[in-house]
């Protein structure tokens, strides 16, 4: 059910010669469970939007600020190392 693992799970399944029918059944079960989990989480978070926004809002702004600061720092330090 982990996103990264779901993307590459077909490689070991193929290398281990897993039967296609078994692979499709288990992949369908995993995908359905993951989708259901995301849907329930979205529904729950949507119902509690005001409370979630109190926490996520400031965190989102902090992440955006850190990205902007990192970008500016990278631009300033790169130009010093690579003058025209």
C-alpha atoms as a PDB file:
ATOM      1  CA  UNK A   1       0.000   0.000   0.000  1.00  0.00           C
ATOM      2  CA  UNK A   2       3.018   2.336   0.020  1.00  0.00           C
ATOM      3  CA  UNK A   3       3.066   4.597  -3.051  1.00  0.00           C
ATOM      4  CA  UNK A   4       6.701   3.946  -3.997  1.00  0.00           C
ATOM      5  CA  UNK A   5       6.419   0.203  -3.533  1.00  0.00           C
ATOM      6  CA  UNK A   6       3.184   0.062  -5.530  1.00  0.00           C
ATOM      7  CA  UNK A   7       4.982   1.618  -8.492  1.00  0.00           C
ATOM      8  CA  UNK A   8       7.756  -0.962  -8.682  1.00  0.00           C
ATOM      9  CA  UNK A   9       6.095  -4.081  -7.284  1.00  0.00           C
ATOM     10  CA  UNK A  10       5.618  -5.548 -10.753  1.00  0.00           C
ATOM     11  CA  UNK A  11       9.402  -5.904 -11.181  1.00  0.00           C
ATOM     12  CA  UNK A  12       9.978  -8.444  -8.378  1.00  0.00           C
ATOM     13  CA  UNK A  13       6.654 -10.107  -9.222  1.00  0.00           C
ATOM     14  CA  UNK A  14       7.877 -10.652 -12.774  1.00  0.00           C
ATOM     15  CA  UNK A  15      11.353 -11.757 -11.686  1.00  0.00           C
ATOM     16  CA  UNK A  16       9.833 -14.300  -9.299  1.00  0.00           C
ATOM     17  CA  UNK A  17       7.459 -15.437 -12.044  1.00  0.00           C
ATOM     18  CA  UNK A  18       4.339 -14.693 -10.044  1.00  0.00           C
ATOM     19  CA  UNK A  19       1.207 -15.820 -11.824  1.00  0.00           C
ATOM     20  CA  UNK A  20      -0.578 -12.989 -13.584  1.00  0.00           C
ATOM     21  CA  UNK A  21      -3.906 -13.926 -12.019  1.00  0.00           C
ATOM     22  CA  UNK A  22      -2.477 -13.778  -8.478  1.00  0.00           C
ATOM     23  CA  UNK A  23      -0.678 -10.528  -9.236  1.00  0.00           C
ATOM     24  CA  UNK A  24      -3.836  -8.901 -10.576  1.00  0.00           C
ATOM     25  CA  UNK A  25      -5.923 -10.072  -7.625  1.00  0.00           C
ATOM     26  CA  UNK A  26      -3.457  -8.836  -4.992  1.00  0.00           C
ATOM     27  CA  UNK A  27      -2.759  -5.602  -6.864  1.00  0.00           C
ATOM     28  CA  UNK A  28      -6.488  -4.921  -7.117  1.00  0.00           C
ATOM     29  CA  UNK A  29      -6.970  -5.561  -3.400  1.00  0.00           C
ATOM     30  CA  UNK A  30      -4.052  -3.281  -2.527  1.00  0.00           C
ATOM     31  CA  UNK A  31      -5.197  -0.533  -4.867  1.00  0.00           C
ATOM     32  CA  UNK A  32      -8.768  -0.704  -3.577  1.00  0.00           C
ATOM     33  CA  UNK A  33      -7.572  -0.548   0.042  1.00  0.00           C
ATOM     34  CA  UNK A  34      -5.273   2.413  -0.681  1.00  0.00           C
ATOM     35  CA  UNK A  35      -8.003   4.275  -2.552  1.00  0.00           C
ATOM     36  CA  UNK A  36     -10.520   3.618   0.220  1.00  0.00           C
ATOM     37  CA  UNK A  37      -8.042   4.826   2.835  1.00  0.00           C
ATOM     38  CA  UNK A  38      -7.410   8.050   0.901  1.00  0.00           C
ATOM     39  CA  UNK A  39     -11.141   8.595   0.383  1.00  0.00           C
ATOM     40  CA  UNK A  40     -11.923   8.133   4.086  1.00  0.00           C
ATOM     41  CA  UNK A  41      -9.006  10.388   5.063  1.00  0.00           C
ATOM     42  CA  UNK A  42     -10.222  13.052   2.631  1.00  0.00           C
ATOM     43  CA  UNK A  43     -13.763  12.816   3.935  1.00  0.00           C
ATOM     44  CA  UNK A  44     -12.613  13.028   7.550  1.00  0.00           C
ATOM     45  CA  UNK A  45     -10.238  15.920   6.885  1.00  0.00           C
ATOM     46  CA  UNK A  46     -12.936  17.697   4.879  1.00  0.00           C
ATOM     47  CA  UNK A  47     -15.360  17.505   7.787  1.00  0.00           C
ATOM     48  CA  UNK A  48     -12.709  18.871  10.140  1.00  0.00           C
ATOM     49  CA  UNK A  49     -11.382  21.493   7.708  1.00  0.00           C
ATOM     50  CA  UNK A  50     -11.330  24.372  10.195  1.00  0.00           C
ATOM     51  CA  UNK A  51      -9.302  22.403  12.752  1.00  0.00           C
ATOM     52  CA  UNK A  52      -6.958  21.004  10.112  1.00  0.00           C
ATOM     53  CA  UNK A  53      -6.430  24.462   8.585  1.00  0.00           C
ATOM     54  CA  UNK A  54      -5.296  25.787  11.971  1.00  0.00           C
ATOM     55  CA  UNK A  55      -2.359  23.359  11.876  1.00  0.00           C
ATOM     56  CA  UNK A  56      -1.713  22.920   8.163  1.00  0.00           C
ATOM     57  CA  UNK A  57      -1.997  26.613   7.255  1.00  0.00           C
ATOM     58  CA  UNK A  58       1.007  27.820   9.265  1.00  0.00           C
ATOM     59  CA  UNK A  59       3.013  24.720   8.334  1.00  0.00           C
ATOM     60  CA  UNK A  60       2.313  25.317   4.644  1.00  0.00           C
ATOM     61  CA  UNK A  61       3.470  28.907   4.927  1.00  0.00           C
ATOM     62  CA  UNK A  62       6.623  27.806   6.748  1.00  0.00           C
ATOM     63  CA  UNK A  63       7.445  25.272   4.027  1.00  0.00           C
ATOM     64  CA  UNK A  64       6.868  27.870   1.293  1.00  0.00           C
ATOM     65  CA  UNK A  65       9.073  30.359   3.153  1.00  0.00           C
ATOM     66  CA  UNK A  66      11.840  27.759   3.521  1.00  0.00           C
ATOM     67  CA  UNK A  67      11.674  26.943  -0.201  1.00  0.00           C
ATOM     68  CA  UNK A  68      11.942  30.623  -1.113  1.00  0.00           C
ATOM     69  CA  UNK A  69      14.848  31.170   1.303  1.00  0.00           C
ATOM     70  CA  UNK A  70      16.652  28.089  -0.034  1.00  0.00           C
ATOM     71  CA  UNK A  71      16.143  29.272  -3.608  1.00  0.00           C
ATOM     72  CA  UNK A  72      17.490  32.751  -2.871  1.00  0.00           C
ATOM     73  CA  UNK A  73      20.446  31.311  -0.943  1.00  0.00           C
ATOM     74  CA  UNK A  74      21.209  28.941  -3.825  1.00  0.00           C
ATOM     75  CA  UNK A  75      21.071  31.767  -6.355  1.00  0.00           C
ATOM     76  CA  UNK A  76      23.390  33.964  -4.297  1.00  0.00           C
ATOM     77  CA  UNK A  77      25.944  31.247  -3.582  1.00  0.00           C
ATOM     78  CA  UNK A  78      25.919  29.889  -7.138  1.00  0.00           C
ATOM     79  CA  UNK A  79      26.597  33.317  -8.650  1.00  0.00           C
ATOM     80  CA  UNK A  80      29.565  33.825  -6.327  1.00  0.00           C
ATOM     81  CA  UNK A  81      31.107  30.506  -7.386  1.00  0.00           C
ATOM     82  CA  UNK A  82      30.379  31.039 -11.088  1.00  0.00           C
ATOM     83  CA  UNK A  83      31.031  34.688 -11.936  1.00  0.00           C
ATOM     84  CA  UNK A  84      30.235  35.824 -15.469  1.00  0.00           C
END
